[in-house]
PDB file of all heavy atoms in Angstrom:
ATOM      1  N   MET A   1      -1.326 -63.460  36.937  1.00  0.00           N
ATOM      2  CA  MET A   1      -1.600 -62.076  37.206  1.00  0.00           C
ATOM      3  C   MET A   1      -2.990 -61.819  37.549  1.00  0.00           C
ATOM      4  O   MET A   1      -3.854 -62.418  36.995  1.00  0.00           O
ATOM      5  CB  MET A   1      -1.159 -61.181  35.986  1.00  0.00           C
ATOM      6  CG  MET A   1      -1.373 -59.720  36.091  1.00  0.00           C
ATOM      7  SD  MET A   1       0.071 -58.958  35.384  1.00  0.00           S
ATOM      8  CE  MET A   1      -0.271 -57.296  35.953  1.00  0.00           C
ATOM      9  N   GLU A   2      -3.293 -60.916  38.492  1.00  0.00           N
ATOM     10  CA  GLU A   2      -4.621 -60.663  38.998  1.00  0.00           C
ATOM     11  C   GLU A   2      -5.354 -59.765  37.957  1.00  0.00           C
ATOM     12  O   GLU A   2      -4.758 -58.933  37.363  1.00  0.00           O
ATOM     13  CB  GLU A   2      -4.594 -60.069  40.371  1.00  0.00           C
ATOM     14  CG  GLU A   2      -4.064 -60.801  41.391  1.00  0.00           C
ATOM     15  CD  GLU A   2      -4.131 -60.196  42.754  1.00  0.00           C
ATOM     16  OE1 GLU A   2      -4.959 -59.222  42.918  1.00  0.00           O
ATOM     17  OE2 GLU A   2      -3.382 -60.558  43.659  1.00  0.00           O
ATOM     18  N   GLU A   3      -6.591 -60.143  37.833  1.00  0.00           N
ATOM     19  CA  GLU A   3      -7.379 -59.268  36.931  1.00  0.00           C
ATOM     20  C   GLU A   3      -7.792 -57.866  37.671  1.00  0.00           C
ATOM     21  O   GLU A   3      -8.055 -57.857  38.883  1.00  0.00           O
ATOM     22  CB  GLU A   3      -8.727 -59.920  36.611  1.00  0.00           C
ATOM     23  CG  GLU A   3      -8.505 -61.136  35.683  1.00  0.00           C
ATOM     24  CD  GLU A   3      -9.863 -61.746  35.231  1.00  0.00           C
ATOM     25  OE1 GLU A   3     -10.895 -60.958  35.175  1.00  0.00           O
ATOM     26  OE2 GLU A   3      -9.823 -62.917  35.007  1.00  0.00           O
ATOM     27  N   PRO A   4      -7.706 -56.819  37.005  1.00  0.00           N
ATOM     28  CA  PRO A   4      -8.155 -55.478  37.640  1.00  0.00           C
ATOM     29  C   PRO A   4      -9.685 -55.554  37.984  1.00  0.00           C
ATOM     30  O   PRO A   4     -10.417 -56.378  37.313  1.00  0.00           O
ATOM     31  CB  PRO A   4      -7.878 -54.481  36.566  1.00  0.00           C
ATOM     32  CG  PRO A   4      -7.839 -55.139  35.339  1.00  0.00           C
ATOM     33  CD  PRO A   4      -7.410 -56.514  35.598  1.00  0.00           C
ATOM     34  N   TRP A   5     -10.059 -54.640  38.854  1.00  0.00           N
ATOM     35  CA  TRP A   5     -11.450 -54.567  39.299  1.00  0.00           C
ATOM     36  C   TRP A   5     -12.256 -54.240  38.020  1.00  0.00           C
ATOM     37  O   TRP A   5     -11.853 -53.452  37.272  1.00  0.00           O
ATOM     38  CB  TRP A   5     -11.646 -53.590  40.306  1.00  0.00           C
ATOM     39  CG  TRP A   5     -11.169 -53.907  41.706  1.00  0.00           C
ATOM     40  CD1 TRP A   5      -9.966 -54.268  42.147  1.00  0.00           C
ATOM     41  CD2 TRP A   5     -12.003 -54.212  42.726  1.00  0.00           C
ATOM     42  NE1 TRP A   5      -9.919 -54.597  43.339  1.00  0.00           N
ATOM     43  CE2 TRP A   5     -11.275 -54.578  43.825  1.00  0.00           C
ATOM     44  CE3 TRP A   5     -13.420 -54.088  42.954  1.00  0.00           C
ATOM     45  CZ2 TRP A   5     -11.765 -54.980  45.106  1.00  0.00           C
ATOM     46  CZ3 TRP A   5     -13.966 -54.445  44.174  1.00  0.00           C
ATOM     47  CH2 TRP A   5     -13.122 -54.912  45.222  1.00  0.00           C
ATOM     48  N   ASN A   6     -13.372 -54.756  37.981  1.00  0.00           N
ATOM     49  CA  ASN A   6     -14.481 -54.456  36.897  1.00  0.00           C
ATOM     50  C   ASN A   6     -15.049 -53.146  37.322  1.00  0.00           C
ATOM     51  O   ASN A   6     -15.837 -52.989  38.162  1.00  0.00           O
ATOM     52  CB  ASN A   6     -15.527 -55.507  36.837  1.00  0.00           C
ATOM     53  CG  ASN A   6     -16.457 -55.303  35.685  1.00  0.00           C
ATOM     54  OD1 ASN A   6     -16.303 -54.287  34.934  1.00  0.00           O
ATOM     55  ND2 ASN A   6     -17.288 -56.293  35.414  1.00  0.00           N
ATOM     56  N   LEU A   7     -14.615 -52.057  36.609  1.00  0.00           N
ATOM     57  CA  LEU A   7     -15.024 -50.671  36.982  1.00  0.00           C
ATOM     58  C   LEU A   7     -16.509 -50.498  36.691  1.00  0.00           C
ATOM     59  O   LEU A   7     -17.137 -49.593  37.329  1.00  0.00           O
ATOM     60  CB  LEU A   7     -14.162 -49.664  36.336  1.00  0.00           C
ATOM     61  CG  LEU A   7     -12.755 -49.570  36.712  1.00  0.00           C
ATOM     62  CD1 LEU A   7     -11.950 -48.530  35.938  1.00  0.00           C
ATOM     63  CD2 LEU A   7     -12.573 -49.357  38.239  1.00  0.00           C
ATOM     64  N   GLU A   8     -17.241 -51.175  35.744  1.00  0.00           N
ATOM     65  CA  GLU A   8     -18.585 -51.017  35.552  1.00  0.00           C
ATOM     66  C   GLU A   8     -19.327 -51.490  36.739  1.00  0.00           C
ATOM     67  O   GLU A   8     -20.262 -50.699  37.091  1.00  0.00           O
ATOM     68  CB  GLU A   8     -18.924 -51.849  34.394  1.00  0.00           C
ATOM     69  CG  GLU A   8     -18.486 -51.345  32.933  1.00  0.00           C
ATOM     70  CD  GLU A   8     -19.175 -52.135  31.853  1.00  0.00           C
ATOM     71  OE1 GLU A   8     -20.157 -52.840  31.955  1.00  0.00           O
ATOM     72  OE2 GLU A   8     -18.484 -52.071  30.788  1.00  0.00           O
ATOM     73  N   PHE A   9     -18.944 -52.541  37.360  1.00  0.00           N
ATOM     74  CA  PHE A   9     -19.592 -52.994  38.512  1.00  0.00           C
ATOM     75  C   PHE A   9     -19.523 -52.019  39.675  1.00  0.00           C
ATOM     76  O   PHE A   9     -20.494 -51.760  40.387  1.00  0.00           O
ATOM     77  CB  PHE A   9     -19.198 -54.364  39.040  1.00  0.00           C
ATOM     78  CG  PHE A   9     -19.799 -54.819  40.240  1.00  0.00           C
ATOM     79  CD1 PHE A   9     -21.059 -55.379  40.278  1.00  0.00           C
ATOM     80  CD2 PHE A   9     -18.966 -54.900  41.453  1.00  0.00           C
ATOM     81  CE1 PHE A   9     -21.644 -55.728  41.412  1.00  0.00           C
ATOM     82  CE2 PHE A   9     -19.665 -55.292  42.622  1.00  0.00           C
ATOM     83  CZ  PHE A   9     -20.903 -55.848  42.626  1.00  0.00           C
ATOM     84  N   VAL A  10     -18.313 -51.498  39.812  1.00  0.00           N
ATOM     85  CA  VAL A  10     -18.047 -50.578  40.966  1.00  0.00           C
ATOM     86  C   VAL A  10     -18.801 -49.339  40.732  1.00  0.00           C
ATOM     87  O   VAL A  10     -19.478 -48.760  41.660  1.00  0.00           O
ATOM     88  CB  VAL A  10     -16.534 -50.336  41.169  1.00  0.00           C
ATOM     89  CG1 VAL A  10     -16.338 -49.143  42.197  1.00  0.00           C
ATOM     90  CG2 VAL A  10     -15.795 -51.527  41.544  1.00  0.00           C
ATOM     91  N   SER A  11     -18.870 -48.891  39.466  1.00  0.00           N
ATOM     92  CA  SER A  11     -19.533 -47.518  39.190  1.00  0.00           C
ATOM     93  C   SER A  11     -21.061 -47.878  39.405  1.00  0.00           C
ATOM     94  O   SER A  11     -21.792 -46.883  39.792  1.00  0.00           O
ATOM     95  CB  SER A  11     -19.310 -47.223  37.620  1.00  0.00           C
ATOM     96  OG  SER A  11     -20.069 -46.203  37.284  1.00  0.00           O
ATOM     97  N   TYR A  12     -21.499 -48.971  38.931  1.00  0.00           N
ATOM     98  CA  TYR A  12     -23.094 -49.282  39.171  1.00  0.00           C
ATOM     99  C   TYR A  12     -23.414 -49.304  40.683  1.00  0.00           C
ATOM    100  O   TYR A  12     -24.403 -48.696  41.093  1.00  0.00           O
ATOM    101  CB  TYR A  12     -23.428 -50.639  38.566  1.00  0.00           C
ATOM    102  CG  TYR A  12     -24.770 -51.039  38.659  1.00  0.00           C
ATOM    103  CD1 TYR A  12     -25.764 -50.426  38.004  1.00  0.00           C
ATOM    104  CD2 TYR A  12     -25.157 -52.128  39.463  1.00  0.00           C
ATOM    105  CE1 TYR A  12     -27.164 -50.800  38.247  1.00  0.00           C
ATOM    106  CE2 TYR A  12     -26.415 -52.394  39.724  1.00  0.00           C
ATOM    107  CZ  TYR A  12     -27.443 -51.883  39.024  1.00  0.00           C
ATOM    108  OH  TYR A  12     -28.776 -52.110  39.304  1.00  0.00           O
ATOM    109  N   ALA A  13     -22.497 -49.912  41.500  1.00  0.00           N
ATOM    110  CA  ALA A  13     -22.696 -49.966  42.932  1.00  0.00           C
ATOM    111  C   ALA A  13     -22.713 -48.614  43.557  1.00  0.00           C
ATOM    112  O   ALA A  13     -23.616 -48.299  44.332  1.00  0.00           O
ATOM    113  CB  ALA A  13     -21.780 -50.952  43.577  1.00  0.00           C
ATOM    114  N   VAL A  14     -21.859 -47.784  43.168  1.00  0.00           N
ATOM    115  CA  VAL A  14     -21.726 -46.380  43.712  1.00  0.00           C
ATOM    116  C   VAL A  14     -22.960 -45.612  43.347  1.00  0.00           C
ATOM    117  O   VAL A  14     -23.511 -44.857  44.054  1.00  0.00           O
ATOM    118  CB  VAL A  14     -20.379 -45.746  43.359  1.00  0.00           C
ATOM    119  CG1 VAL A  14     -20.436 -44.271  43.672  1.00  0.00           C
ATOM    120  CG2 VAL A  14     -19.182 -46.409  43.980  1.00  0.00           C
ATOM    121  N   ASP A  15     -23.294 -45.773  42.082  1.00  0.00           N
ATOM    122  CA  ASP A  15     -24.568 -45.102  41.461  1.00  0.00           C
ATOM    123  C   ASP A  15     -25.797 -45.515  42.242  1.00  0.00           C
ATOM    124  O   ASP A  15     -26.637 -44.623  42.623  1.00  0.00           O
ATOM    125  CB  ASP A  15     -24.578 -45.357  40.060  1.00  0.00           C
ATOM    126  CG  ASP A  15     -25.754 -44.535  39.479  1.00  0.00           C
ATOM    127  OD1 ASP A  15     -25.813 -43.356  39.763  1.00  0.00           O
ATOM    128  OD2 ASP A  15     -26.561 -45.056  38.659  1.00  0.00           O
ATOM    129  N   CYS A  16     -26.000 -46.815  42.554  1.00  0.00           N
ATOM    130  CA  CYS A  16     -27.090 -47.279  43.364  1.00  0.00           C
ATOM    131  C   CYS A  16     -27.095 -46.704  44.688  1.00  0.00           C
ATOM    132  O   CYS A  16     -28.122 -46.228  45.181  1.00  0.00           O
ATOM    133  CB  CYS A  16     -27.178 -48.719  43.331  1.00  0.00           C
ATOM    134  SG  CYS A  16     -27.576 -49.517  41.758  1.00  0.00           S
ATOM    135  N   LEU A  17     -25.937 -46.713  45.347  1.00  0.00           N
ATOM    136  CA  LEU A  17     -25.854 -46.129  46.646  1.00  0.00           C
ATOM    137  C   LEU A  17     -26.112 -44.701  46.721  1.00  0.00           C
ATOM    138  O   LEU A  17     -26.841 -44.231  47.588  1.00  0.00           O
ATOM    139  CB  LEU A  17     -24.397 -46.539  47.288  1.00  0.00           C
ATOM    140  CG  LEU A  17     -24.243 -46.008  48.679  1.00  0.00           C
ATOM    141  CD1 LEU A  17     -25.074 -46.779  49.624  1.00  0.00           C
ATOM    142  CD2 LEU A  17     -22.810 -46.272  48.969  1.00  0.00           C
ATOM    143  N   LEU A  18     -25.676 -44.047  45.830  1.00  0.00           N
ATOM    144  CA  LEU A  18     -25.843 -42.487  45.724  1.00  0.00           C
ATOM    145  C   LEU A  18     -27.292 -42.242  45.512  1.00  0.00           C
ATOM    146  O   LEU A  18     -27.781 -41.303  46.190  1.00  0.00           O
ATOM    147  CB  LEU A  18     -24.926 -41.948  44.620  1.00  0.00           C
ATOM    148  CG  LEU A  18     -25.031 -40.332  44.492  1.00  0.00           C
ATOM    149  CD1 LEU A  18     -24.464 -39.790  45.827  1.00  0.00           C
ATOM    150  CD2 LEU A  18     -24.269 -39.971  43.385  1.00  0.00           C
ATOM    151  N   SER A  19     -28.006 -42.932  44.629  1.00  0.00           N
ATOM    152  CA  SER A  19     -29.430 -42.650  44.422  1.00  0.00           C
ATOM    153  C   SER A  19     -30.205 -43.067  45.675  1.00  0.00           C
ATOM    154  O   SER A  19     -31.255 -42.337  45.982  1.00  0.00           O
ATOM    155  CB  SER A  19     -29.924 -43.595  43.230  1.00  0.00           C
ATOM    156  OG  SER A  19     -29.771 -44.890  43.428  1.00  0.00           O
ATOM    157  N   PHE A  20     -29.921 -44.121  46.365  1.00  0.00           N
ATOM    158  CA  PHE A  20     -30.541 -44.513  47.579  1.00  0.00           C
ATOM    159  C   PHE A  20     -30.365 -43.381  48.629  1.00  0.00           C
ATOM    160  O   PHE A  20     -31.308 -43.024  49.261  1.00  0.00           O
ATOM    161  CB  PHE A  20     -30.014 -45.832  48.123  1.00  0.00           C
ATOM    162  CG  PHE A  20     -30.596 -46.167  49.492  1.00  0.00           C
ATOM    163  CD1 PHE A  20     -31.885 -46.716  49.529  1.00  0.00           C
ATOM    164  CD2 PHE A  20     -29.912 -46.022  50.685  1.00  0.00           C
ATOM    165  CE1 PHE A  20     -32.457 -47.003  50.749  1.00  0.00           C
ATOM    166  CE2 PHE A  20     -30.437 -46.314  51.918  1.00  0.00           C
ATOM    167  CZ  PHE A  20     -31.630 -46.873  51.874  1.00  0.00           C
ATOM    168  N   VAL A  21     -29.172 -42.910  48.808  1.00  0.00           N
ATOM    169  CA  VAL A  21     -28.928 -41.815  49.831  1.00  0.00           C
ATOM    170  C   VAL A  21     -29.698 -40.566  49.483  1.00  0.00           C
ATOM    171  O   VAL A  21     -30.296 -39.900  50.317  1.00  0.00           O
ATOM    172  CB  VAL A  21     -27.407 -41.545  49.975  1.00  0.00           C
ATOM    173  CG1 VAL A  21     -27.058 -40.375  50.797  1.00  0.00           C
ATOM    174  CG2 VAL A  21     -26.762 -42.800  50.644  1.00  0.00           C
ATOM    175  N   THR A  22     -29.657 -40.217  48.111  1.00  0.00           N
ATOM    176  CA  THR A  22     -30.366 -39.064  47.735  1.00  0.00           C
ATOM    177  C   THR A  22     -31.883 -39.155  47.925  1.00  0.00           C
ATOM    178  O   THR A  22     -32.458 -38.219  48.509  1.00  0.00           O
ATOM    179  CB  THR A  22     -30.195 -38.875  46.204  1.00  0.00           C
ATOM    180  OG1 THR A  22     -28.786 -38.753  45.958  1.00  0.00           O
ATOM    181  CG2 THR A  22     -30.797 -37.577  45.718  1.00  0.00           C
ATOM    182  N   GLU A  23     -32.447 -40.340  47.694  1.00  0.00           N
ATOM    183  CA  GLU A  23     -33.871 -40.546  47.953  1.00  0.00           C
ATOM    184  C   GLU A  23     -34.133 -40.495  49.421  1.00  0.00           C
ATOM    185  O   GLU A  23     -35.129 -39.906  49.862  1.00  0.00           O
ATOM    186  CB  GLU A  23     -34.365 -41.806  47.352  1.00  0.00           C
ATOM    187  CG  GLU A  23     -35.846 -42.202  47.520  1.00  0.00           C
ATOM    188  CD  GLU A  23     -36.204 -43.446  47.019  1.00  0.00           C
ATOM    189  OE1 GLU A  23     -35.497 -44.087  46.240  1.00  0.00           O
ATOM    190  OE2 GLU A  23     -37.286 -43.914  47.256  1.00  0.00           O
ATOM    191  N   PHE A  24     -33.267 -41.105  50.235  1.00  0.00           N
ATOM    192  CA  PHE A  24     -33.537 -41.160  51.672  1.00  0.00           C
ATOM    193  C   PHE A  24     -33.459 -39.592  52.215  1.00  0.00           C
ATOM    194  O   PHE A  24     -34.197 -39.292  53.072  1.00  0.00           O
ATOM    195  CB  PHE A  24     -32.382 -41.886  52.308  1.00  0.00           C
ATOM    196  CG  PHE A  24     -32.660 -42.061  53.804  1.00  0.00           C
ATOM    197  CD1 PHE A  24     -33.594 -42.976  54.353  1.00  0.00           C
ATOM    198  CD2 PHE A  24     -31.881 -41.404  54.705  1.00  0.00           C
ATOM    199  CE1 PHE A  24     -33.787 -43.107  55.663  1.00  0.00           C
ATOM    200  CE2 PHE A  24     -32.020 -41.449  56.117  1.00  0.00           C
ATOM    201  CZ  PHE A  24     -33.023 -42.354  56.481  1.00  0.00           C
ATOM    202  N   VAL A  25     -32.432 -38.774  51.701  1.00  0.00           N
ATOM    203  CA  VAL A  25     -32.463 -37.434  52.177  1.00  0.00           C
ATOM    204  C   VAL A  25     -33.605 -36.642  51.786  1.00  0.00           C
ATOM    205  O   VAL A  25     -34.099 -35.876  52.536  1.00  0.00           O
ATOM    206  CB  VAL A  25     -31.014 -36.862  51.673  1.00  0.00           C
ATOM    207  CG1 VAL A  25     -31.080 -35.327  51.951  1.00  0.00           C
ATOM    208  CG2 VAL A  25     -29.908 -37.408  52.277  1.00  0.00           C
ATOM    209  N   GLN A  26     -34.119 -36.842  50.573  1.00  0.00           N
ATOM    210  CA  GLN A  26     -35.353 -36.211  50.229  1.00  0.00           C
ATOM    211  C   GLN A  26     -36.703 -36.558  51.063  1.00  0.00           C
ATOM    212  O   GLN A  26     -37.266 -35.753  51.457  1.00  0.00           O
ATOM    213  CB  GLN A  26     -35.669 -36.551  48.753  1.00  0.00           C
ATOM    214  CG  GLN A  26     -34.694 -35.829  47.785  1.00  0.00           C
ATOM    215  CD  GLN A  26     -34.949 -36.267  46.297  1.00  0.00           C
ATOM    216  OE1 GLN A  26     -35.684 -37.176  46.098  1.00  0.00           O
ATOM    217  NE2 GLN A  26     -34.229 -35.660  45.365  1.00  0.00           N
ATOM    218  N   ASP A  27     -36.698 -38.020  51.339  1.00  0.00           N
ATOM    219  CA  ASP A  27     -37.838 -38.410  52.260  1.00  0.00           C
ATOM    220  C   ASP A  27     -37.517 -37.785  53.580  1.00  0.00           C
ATOM    221  O   ASP A  27     -38.586 -37.405  54.302  1.00  0.00           O
ATOM    222  CB  ASP A  27     -37.770 -39.890  52.256  1.00  0.00           C
ATOM    223  CG  ASP A  27     -38.369 -40.525  50.965  1.00  0.00           C
ATOM    224  OD1 ASP A  27     -38.928 -39.756  50.260  1.00  0.00           O
ATOM    225  OD2 ASP A  27     -38.017 -41.699  50.807  1.00  0.00           O
ATOM    226  N   TRP A  28     -36.329 -37.700  54.124  1.00  0.00           N
ATOM    227  CA  TRP A  28     -36.077 -37.164  55.480  1.00  0.00           C
ATOM    228  C   TRP A  28     -36.479 -35.682  55.540  1.00  0.00           C
ATOM    229  O   TRP A  28     -37.071 -35.289  56.513  1.00  0.00           O
ATOM    230  CB  TRP A  28     -34.663 -37.339  55.758  1.00  0.00           C
ATOM    231  CG  TRP A  28     -34.225 -36.983  57.112  1.00  0.00           C
ATOM    232  CD1 TRP A  28     -34.081 -35.813  57.747  1.00  0.00           C
ATOM    233  CD2 TRP A  28     -34.083 -37.972  58.238  1.00  0.00           C
ATOM    234  NE1 TRP A  28     -33.740 -35.840  59.058  1.00  0.00           N
ATOM    235  CE2 TRP A  28     -33.745 -37.255  59.418  1.00  0.00           C
ATOM    236  CE3 TRP A  28     -34.149 -39.293  58.397  1.00  0.00           C
ATOM    237  CZ2 TRP A  28     -33.385 -37.838  60.582  1.00  0.00           C
ATOM    238  CZ3 TRP A  28     -33.873 -39.923  59.506  1.00  0.00           C
ATOM    239  CH2 TRP A  28     -33.562 -39.204  60.656  1.00  0.00           C
ATOM    240  N   ALA A  29     -36.240 -34.964  54.511  1.00  0.00           N
ATOM    241  CA  ALA A  29     -36.506 -33.618  54.431  1.00  0.00           C
ATOM    242  C   ALA A  29     -38.004 -33.423  54.303  1.00  0.00           C
ATOM    243  O   ALA A  29     -38.642 -32.431  54.832  1.00  0.00           O
ATOM    244  CB  ALA A  29     -35.868 -32.831  53.271  1.00  0.00           C
ATOM    245  N   ALA A  30     -38.736 -34.242  53.666  1.00  0.00           N
ATOM    246  CA  ALA A  30     -40.204 -34.143  53.495  1.00  0.00           C
ATOM    247  C   ALA A  30     -40.847 -34.721  54.690  1.00  0.00           C
ATOM    248  O   ALA A  30     -42.108 -34.700  54.834  1.00  0.00           O
ATOM    249  CB  ALA A  30     -40.607 -35.025  52.264  1.00  0.00           C
ATOM    250  N   ASN A  31     -40.212 -35.351  55.637  1.00  0.00           N
ATOM    251  CA  ASN A  31     -40.659 -35.918  56.902  1.00  0.00           C
ATOM    252  C   ASN A  31     -41.799 -37.019  56.463  1.00  0.00           C
ATOM    253  O   ASN A  31     -42.922 -36.994  56.997  1.00  0.00           O
ATOM    254  CB  ASN A  31     -41.288 -34.875  57.836  1.00  0.00           C
ATOM    255  CG  ASN A  31     -41.328 -35.388  59.227  1.00  0.00           C
ATOM    256  OD1 ASN A  31     -40.817 -36.488  59.565  1.00  0.00           O
ATOM    257  ND2 ASN A  31     -41.984 -34.718  60.129  1.00  0.00           N
ATOM    258  N   ASP A  32     -41.381 -37.849  55.649  1.00  0.00           N
ATOM    259  CA  ASP A  32     -42.263 -38.970  55.039  1.00  0.00           C
ATOM    260  C   ASP A  32     -42.655 -39.941  56.135  1.00  0.00           C
ATOM    261  O   ASP A  32     -41.930 -39.975  57.229  1.00  0.00           O
ATOM    262  CB  ASP A  32     -41.558 -39.609  53.944  1.00  0.00           C
ATOM    263  CG  ASP A  32     -42.507 -40.630  53.171  1.00  0.00           C
ATOM    264  OD1 ASP A  32     -43.746 -40.348  53.178  1.00  0.00           O
ATOM    265  OD2 ASP A  32     -42.002 -41.524  52.534  1.00  0.00           O
ATOM    266  N   MET A  33     -43.669 -40.675  56.053  1.00  0.00           N
ATOM    267  CA  MET A  33     -44.131 -41.715  56.988  1.00  0.00           C
ATOM    268  C   MET A  33     -43.063 -42.665  57.274  1.00  0.00           C
ATOM    269  O   MET A  33     -42.738 -43.199  58.348  1.00  0.00           O
ATOM    270  CB  MET A  33     -45.405 -42.277  56.537  1.00  0.00           C
ATOM    271  CG  MET A  33     -46.008 -43.466  57.555  1.00  0.00           C
ATOM    272  SD  MET A  33     -46.202 -42.738  59.183  1.00  0.00           S
ATOM    273  CE  MET A  33     -47.872 -42.040  58.886  1.00  0.00           C
ATOM    274  N   ARG A  34     -42.301 -43.162  56.204  1.00  0.00           N
ATOM    275  CA  ARG A  34     -41.248 -44.123  56.244  1.00  0.00           C
ATOM    276  C   ARG A  34     -40.132 -43.577  57.206  1.00  0.00           C
ATOM    277  O   ARG A  34     -39.552 -44.379  57.964  1.00  0.00           O
ATOM    278  CB  ARG A  34     -40.671 -44.569  55.002  1.00  0.00           C
ATOM    279  CG  ARG A  34     -41.649 -45.334  54.043  1.00  0.00           C
ATOM    280  CD  ARG A  34     -40.966 -45.656  52.734  1.00  0.00           C
ATOM    281  NE  ARG A  34     -40.819 -44.308  52.101  1.00  0.00           N
ATOM    282  CZ  ARG A  34     -40.240 -44.281  50.884  1.00  0.00           C
ATOM    283  NH1 ARG A  34     -39.677 -45.333  50.350  1.00  0.00           N
ATOM    284  NH2 ARG A  34     -40.101 -43.137  50.219  1.00  0.00           N
ATOM    285  N   VAL A  35     -39.761 -42.311  57.003  1.00  0.00           N
ATOM    286  CA  VAL A  35     -38.780 -41.681  57.889  1.00  0.00           C
ATOM    287  C   VAL A  35     -39.245 -41.702  59.272  1.00  0.00           C
ATOM    288  O   VAL A  35     -38.489 -41.873  60.238  1.00  0.00           O
ATOM    289  CB  VAL A  35     -38.515 -40.268  57.379  1.00  0.00           C
ATOM    290  CG1 VAL A  35     -37.473 -39.552  58.246  1.00  0.00           C
ATOM    291  CG2 VAL A  35     -37.882 -40.386  55.898  1.00  0.00           C
ATOM    292  N   SER A  36     -40.582 -41.398  59.522  1.00  0.00           N
ATOM    293  CA  SER A  36     -41.000 -41.317  60.898  1.00  0.00           C
ATOM    294  C   SER A  36     -41.019 -42.712  61.557  1.00  0.00           C
ATOM    295  O   SER A  36     -40.476 -42.780  62.725  1.00  0.00           O
ATOM    296  CB  SER A  36     -42.445 -40.874  61.004  1.00  0.00           C
ATOM    297  OG  SER A  36     -42.632 -39.558  60.367  1.00  0.00           O
ATOM    298  N   ILE A  37     -41.207 -43.766  60.809  1.00  0.00           N
ATOM    299  CA  ILE A  37     -41.097 -45.065  61.381  1.00  0.00           C
ATOM    300  C   ILE A  37     -39.616 -45.396  61.690  1.00  0.00           C
ATOM    301  O   ILE A  37     -39.325 -46.063  62.558  1.00  0.00           O
ATOM    302  CB  ILE A  37     -41.777 -46.141  60.388  1.00  0.00           C
ATOM    303  CG1 ILE A  37     -43.344 -45.912  60.392  1.00  0.00           C
ATOM    304  CG2 ILE A  37     -41.437 -47.525  60.743  1.00  0.00           C
ATOM    305  CD1 ILE A  37     -44.095 -46.763  59.307  1.00  0.00           C
ATOM    306  N   PHE A  38     -38.843 -44.986  60.653  1.00  0.00           N
ATOM    307  CA  PHE A  38     -37.378 -45.247  60.783  1.00  0.00           C
ATOM    308  C   PHE A  38     -36.857 -44.604  62.088  1.00  0.00           C
ATOM    309  O   PHE A  38     -36.099 -45.130  62.789  1.00  0.00           O
ATOM    310  CB  PHE A  38     -36.543 -44.745  59.564  1.00  0.00           C
ATOM    311  CG  PHE A  38     -35.167 -44.879  59.682  1.00  0.00           C
ATOM    312  CD1 PHE A  38     -34.478 -46.022  59.437  1.00  0.00           C
ATOM    313  CD2 PHE A  38     -34.377 -43.732  60.020  1.00  0.00           C
ATOM    314  CE1 PHE A  38     -33.117 -46.221  59.677  1.00  0.00           C
ATOM    315  CE2 PHE A  38     -33.023 -43.867  60.175  1.00  0.00           C
ATOM    316  CZ  PHE A  38     -32.377 -45.000  59.953  1.00  0.00           C
ATOM    317  N   LYS A  39     -37.211 -43.312  62.306  1.00  0.00           N
ATOM    318  CA  LYS A  39     -36.840 -42.628  63.565  1.00  0.00           C
ATOM    319  C   LYS A  39     -37.269 -43.277  64.814  1.00  0.00           C
ATOM    320  O   LYS A  39     -36.574 -43.465  65.745  1.00  0.00           O
ATOM    321  CB  LYS A  39     -37.356 -41.169  63.523  1.00  0.00           C
ATOM    322  CG  LYS A  39     -36.749 -40.323  62.472  1.00  0.00           C
ATOM    323  CD  LYS A  39     -37.343 -38.839  62.427  1.00  0.00           C
ATOM    324  CE  LYS A  39     -36.743 -37.956  61.461  1.00  0.00           C
ATOM    325  NZ  LYS A  39     -37.425 -36.635  61.487  1.00  0.00           N
ATOM    326  N   ILE A  40     -38.574 -43.814  64.848  1.00  0.00           N
ATOM    327  CA  ILE A  40     -39.054 -44.464  65.996  1.00  0.00           C
ATOM    328  C   ILE A  40     -38.324 -45.790  66.240  1.00  0.00           C
ATOM    329  O   ILE A  40     -37.838 -46.051  67.334  1.00  0.00           O
ATOM    330  CB  ILE A  40     -40.500 -44.771  65.811  1.00  0.00           C
ATOM    331  CG1 ILE A  40     -41.339 -43.516  65.915  1.00  0.00           C
ATOM    332  CG2 ILE A  40     -40.998 -45.858  66.870  1.00  0.00           C
ATOM    333  CD1 ILE A  40     -42.819 -43.599  65.411  1.00  0.00           C
ATOM    334  N   LEU A  41     -38.053 -46.514  65.165  1.00  0.00           N
ATOM    335  CA  LEU A  41     -37.233 -47.777  65.358  1.00  0.00           C
ATOM    336  C   LEU A  41     -35.824 -47.600  65.673  1.00  0.00           C
ATOM    337  O   LEU A  41     -35.248 -48.358  66.447  1.00  0.00           O
ATOM    338  CB  LEU A  41     -37.325 -48.676  64.008  1.00  0.00           C
ATOM    339  CG  LEU A  41     -38.783 -49.243  63.778  1.00  0.00           C
ATOM    340  CD1 LEU A  41     -38.785 -49.904  62.412  1.00  0.00           C
ATOM    341  CD2 LEU A  41     -39.244 -50.077  64.763  1.00  0.00           C
TER     342      LEU A  41
END
């Protein structure tokens, strides 16, 4: 029988992705230098 997904790992991955997206949106709104370089590239 297959083992069910480890929900702690999935929850951690989703949390990391969500925090990255939140930080990216904040930087985008602040027009940070990293965002300017990202837009150029």
